[in-house]
C-alpha cells in the first residue's frame, strides 16, 4: 500500500469472528471474501455448522467464503510407522474430544457450507511436503506435532487400542532423548494434504 496506512481502507482487528461477522450481517456491510484457516471445527466451536451459517450471513451478495484446513488427521508425520500413526491419530482425536463421525465431524466443511446456502461449493487439495530437516517443517514438527502425538499416546493411547508394545514404540519415536527418535532419522518427512473449501453467496 502507498501513502498513510491510517488513511487506507484496511480495518485490522483482533476479535471473536462471531462478533465481527454479526456486525457485518446487521449493518449491511457484507464481506466480499471471508477466509478462515483451521478455525471452524469441533475443538473450537460446539456447533461448527452454526458458525459457518454466521459467516455466510456476513457475506455480501456474490461474496466468497473460503475455509482452509491443514487436514491434520490425514497427514503423514511418522512415515514408515503407518499402523502406529493411525493408532496415535485416534488417541489424538480422543484427547481433543473430536467426534468419530456424524454431522459435527471435522471433515464436514463442505457440507456445512452447502447447508448454509452457498453455491459452487468445492474442495481443492493443496499438498504440502517437506523433509523433516527443512527448517520450517522442523520447527512445526518439534514444537507442535511430535509433542502433541506423544501426549496423545500417553494420555489416550490405551483407549485408542494401543497395546504396551505400541505405547513403548511411540515413546521411543517421539522422545527427543531416545536413540530411536524420529527427529534423528535423516529420511523422515511430513506430508499434509491441505484442503481449501470455497463457496459463493447468492447474488439475489
Protein backbone atom coordinates (compact mmCIF):
# COMPACT_ATOMS: atom_id res chain seq x y z
CA UNK A 1 0.00 0.00 0.00
CA UNK A 2 1.13 3.57 -0.73
CA UNK A 3 0.57 6.56 1.49
CA UNK A 4 -0.51 6.77 5.09
CA UNK A 5 -1.74 3.38 6.40
CA UNK A 6 -4.12 5.24 8.70
CA UNK A 7 -5.97 6.60 5.67
CA UNK A 8 -6.33 3.22 3.92
CA UNK A 9 -9.44 1.05 3.79
CA UNK A 10 -7.76 -1.60 5.92
CA UNK A 11 -9.60 -2.39 9.15
CA UNK A 12 -7.43 -4.67 11.28
CA UNK A 13 -8.99 -6.02 14.45
CA UNK A 14 -8.30 -8.77 16.94
CA UNK A 15 -11.74 -10.09 17.83
CA UNK A 16 -14.04 -13.08 18.04
CA UNK A 17 -15.03 -13.91 14.47
CA UNK A 18 -18.63 -14.34 15.60
CA UNK A 19 -18.72 -10.71 16.75
CA UNK A 20 -17.19 -9.38 13.53
CA UNK A 21 -19.48 -11.49 11.36
CA UNK A 22 -22.51 -10.48 13.43
CA UNK A 23 -21.73 -6.78 12.98
CA UNK A 24 -21.34 -7.18 9.23
CA UNK A 25 -24.61 -9.05 8.87
CA UNK A 26 -26.62 -6.47 10.82
CA UNK A 27 -25.20 -3.22 9.47
CA UNK A 28 -25.39 -4.22 5.80
CA UNK A 29 -21.63 -4.10 5.22
CA UNK A 30 -21.12 -7.64 3.95
CA UNK A 31 -17.70 -9.00 3.12
CA UNK A 32 -16.66 -9.88 -0.43
CA UNK A 33 -14.35 -12.56 0.95
CA UNK A 34 -14.09 -14.33 4.29
CA UNK A 35 -11.06 -16.56 4.86
CA UNK A 36 -10.78 -18.94 7.80
CA UNK A 37 -7.79 -21.20 8.42
CA UNK A 38 -8.11 -24.18 10.81
CA UNK A 39 -10.64 -22.33 12.96
CA UNK A 40 -14.05 -23.84 12.18
CA UNK A 41 -14.04 -27.31 13.70
CA UNK A 42 -15.50 -29.08 16.75
CA UNK A 43 -12.49 -28.49 19.02
CA UNK A 44 -13.10 -24.74 18.72
CA UNK A 45 -16.90 -24.50 18.48
CA UNK A 46 -19.62 -26.82 19.77
CA UNK A 47 -21.70 -26.07 16.66
CA UNK A 48 -19.27 -25.54 13.76
CA UNK A 49 -22.12 -25.71 11.22
CA UNK A 50 -23.76 -22.79 13.04
CA UNK A 51 -20.52 -20.80 12.78
CA UNK A 52 -20.49 -21.38 9.03
CA UNK A 53 -24.07 -20.07 8.83
CA UNK A 54 -22.96 -16.97 10.75
CA UNK A 55 -20.11 -16.39 8.30
CA UNK A 56 -22.38 -16.87 5.30
CA UNK A 57 -24.80 -14.24 6.62
CA UNK A 58 -21.85 -11.83 6.79
CA UNK A 59 -21.08 -12.17 3.07
CA UNK A 60 -22.04 -9.53 0.54
CA UNK A 61 -24.10 -10.75 -2.46
CA UNK A 62 -21.79 -12.92 -4.54
CA UNK A 63 -19.21 -12.98 -1.74
CA UNK A 64 -16.94 -15.97 -1.23
CA UNK A 65 -16.36 -17.99 1.92
CA UNK A 66 -13.02 -19.81 1.95
CA UNK A 67 -12.39 -22.40 4.66
CA UNK A 68 -8.86 -23.76 4.74
CA UNK A 69 -7.79 -26.81 6.69
CA UNK A 70 -4.35 -28.36 7.10
CA UNK A 71 -6.20 -31.70 7.19
CA UNK A 72 -4.10 -32.63 10.21
CA UNK A 73 -5.57 -36.08 10.77
CA UNK A 74 -4.91 -37.25 7.22
CA UNK A 75 -1.28 -36.13 7.29
CA UNK A 76 1.91 -38.23 7.47
CA UNK A 77 4.10 -37.36 10.46
CA UNK A 78 5.62 -40.78 11.19
CA UNK A 79 6.50 -42.19 7.74
CA UNK A 80 7.44 -45.83 7.96
CA UNK A 81 5.22 -46.33 11.01
CA UNK A 82 1.78 -46.07 9.44
CA UNK A 83 -0.08 -48.55 11.67
CA UNK A 84 1.28 -46.91 14.79
CA UNK A 85 0.48 -43.47 13.41
CA UNK A 86 -3.16 -44.47 12.82
CA UNK A 87 -3.43 -45.51 16.48
CA UNK A 88 -1.79 -42.29 17.69
CA UNK A 89 -4.13 -40.28 15.45
CA UNK A 90 -7.12 -41.93 17.10
CA UNK A 91 -5.61 -41.20 20.51
CA UNK A 92 -5.25 -37.54 19.49
CA UNK A 93 -8.88 -37.37 18.38
CA UNK A 94 -9.91 -38.76 21.77
CA UNK A 95 -7.66 -36.25 23.54
CA UNK A 96 -9.40 -33.35 21.79
CA UNK A 97 -12.85 -34.88 22.21
CA UNK A 98 -13.43 -34.96 18.46
CA UNK A 99 -16.39 -36.91 17.05
CA UNK A 100 -15.67 -40.12 15.21
CA UNK A 101 -18.34 -39.37 12.63
CA UNK A 102 -21.65 -37.57 12.25
CA UNK A 103 -22.76 -34.03 11.40
CA UNK A 104 -20.10 -32.28 13.52
CA UNK A 105 -17.14 -34.29 12.21
CA UNK A 106 -14.22 -32.01 11.34
CA UNK A 107 -14.16 -33.12 7.70
CA UNK A 108 -17.70 -31.78 7.04
CA UNK A 109 -16.71 -28.26 5.97
CA UNK A 110 -18.23 -28.59 2.52
CA UNK A 111 -21.49 -29.99 3.88
CA UNK A 112 -21.80 -27.10 6.35
CA UNK A 113 -21.21 -24.58 3.55
CA UNK A 114 -23.82 -26.17 1.29
CA UNK A 115 -26.35 -26.40 4.12
CA UNK A 116 -25.80 -22.68 4.80
CA UNK A 117 -26.95 -21.89 1.26
CA UNK A 118 -23.69 -21.36 -0.61
CA UNK A 119 -23.39 -22.31 -4.27
CA UNK A 120 -20.39 -23.63 -6.22
CA UNK A 121 -19.07 -25.38 -3.12
CA UNK A 122 -15.93 -27.31 -3.95
CA UNK A 123 -12.66 -28.51 -2.39
CA UNK A 124 -9.19 -28.01 -3.79
CA UNK A 125 -6.33 -30.09 -2.43
CA UNK A 126 -3.01 -28.31 -1.94
CA UNK A 127 -0.46 -30.95 -0.87
CA UNK A 128 2.44 -29.78 1.25
CA UNK A 129 5.52 -31.92 1.76
CA UNK A 130 8.96 -31.39 3.19
CA UNK A 131 11.90 -33.22 4.67
CA UNK A 132 11.91 -33.11 8.45
CA UNK A 133 15.28 -31.35 8.20
CA UNK A 134 13.76 -28.35 6.39
CA UNK A 135 13.82 -25.53 8.99
CA UNK A 136 10.15 -24.51 8.84
CA UNK A 137 8.92 -28.11 8.84
CA UNK A 138 11.35 -28.94 11.63
CA UNK A 139 10.03 -26.17 13.85
CA UNK A 140 6.43 -27.27 13.22
CA UNK A 141 7.20 -30.91 13.97
CA UNK A 142 9.31 -30.30 17.06
CA UNK A 143 7.15 -27.61 18.66
CA UNK A 144 3.66 -28.82 17.77
CA UNK A 145 3.22 -32.17 16.05
CA UNK A 146 5.54 -34.62 17.77
CA UNK A 147 4.84 -33.33 21.32
CA UNK A 148 1.08 -33.47 20.65
CA UNK A 149 1.36 -37.03 19.37
CA UNK A 150 3.46 -38.06 22.36
CA UNK A 151 0.96 -36.58 24.78
CA UNK A 152 -1.97 -38.20 22.95
CA UNK A 153 -0.36 -41.65 23.05
CA UNK A 154 0.43 -41.32 26.76
CA UNK A 155 -2.97 -39.97 27.77
CA UNK A 156 -5.40 -41.80 25.47
CA UNK A 157 -3.35 -44.47 23.73
CA UNK A 158 -4.90 -47.41 25.54
CA UNK A 159 -8.41 -46.13 24.82
CA UNK A 160 -7.41 -45.90 21.16
CA UNK A 161 -6.40 -49.57 21.11
CA UNK A 162 -2.65 -49.24 21.67
CA UNK A 163 -1.02 -52.15 23.45
CA UNK A 164 2.01 -51.90 25.70
CA UNK A 165 4.38 -52.55 22.79
CA UNK A 166 2.66 -49.80 20.77
CA UNK A 167 2.95 -47.34 23.66
CA UNK A 168 6.61 -48.17 24.17
CA UNK A 169 7.36 -47.79 20.46
CA UNK A 170 5.52 -44.46 20.26
CA UNK A 171 7.53 -43.20 23.23
CA UNK A 172 10.77 -44.31 21.58
CA UNK A 173 9.92 -42.50 18.36
CA UNK A 174 8.60 -39.31 19.95
CA UNK A 175 11.05 -38.81 22.84
CA UNK A 176 13.85 -36.42 21.76
CA UNK A 177 16.22 -38.13 24.22
CA UNK A 178 15.61 -41.57 22.71
CA UNK A 179 18.07 -43.24 20.35
CA UNK A 180 15.05 -44.08 18.18
CA UNK A 181 13.72 -40.51 17.99
CA UNK A 182 12.01 -39.82 14.66
CA UNK A 183 13.75 -36.45 14.56
CA UNK A 184 17.12 -38.17 14.22
CA UNK A 185 16.03 -40.02 11.09
CA UNK A 186 17.54 -38.18 8.10
CA UNK A 187 14.91 -39.69 5.82
CA UNK A 188 11.88 -38.61 7.84
CA UNK A 189 9.42 -36.24 6.20
CA UNK A 190 5.99 -34.68 6.56
CA UNK A 191 3.10 -34.69 4.07
CA UNK A 192 -0.09 -32.71 4.59
CA UNK A 193 -2.95 -32.89 2.03
CA UNK A 194 -4.31 -29.45 2.90
CA UNK A 195 -7.76 -28.54 1.57
CA UNK A 196 -9.31 -25.23 0.60
CA UNK A 197 -13.13 -25.25 0.51
CA UNK A 198 -14.81 -22.34 -1.28
CA UNK A 199 -18.43 -21.40 -1.83
CA UNK A 200 -20.24 -18.36 -3.20
CA UNK A 201 -23.21 -16.47 -1.79
CA UNK A 202 -26.26 -15.78 -3.92
CA UNK A 203 -26.31 -12.52 -5.85
CA UNK A 204 -30.08 -12.22 -5.46
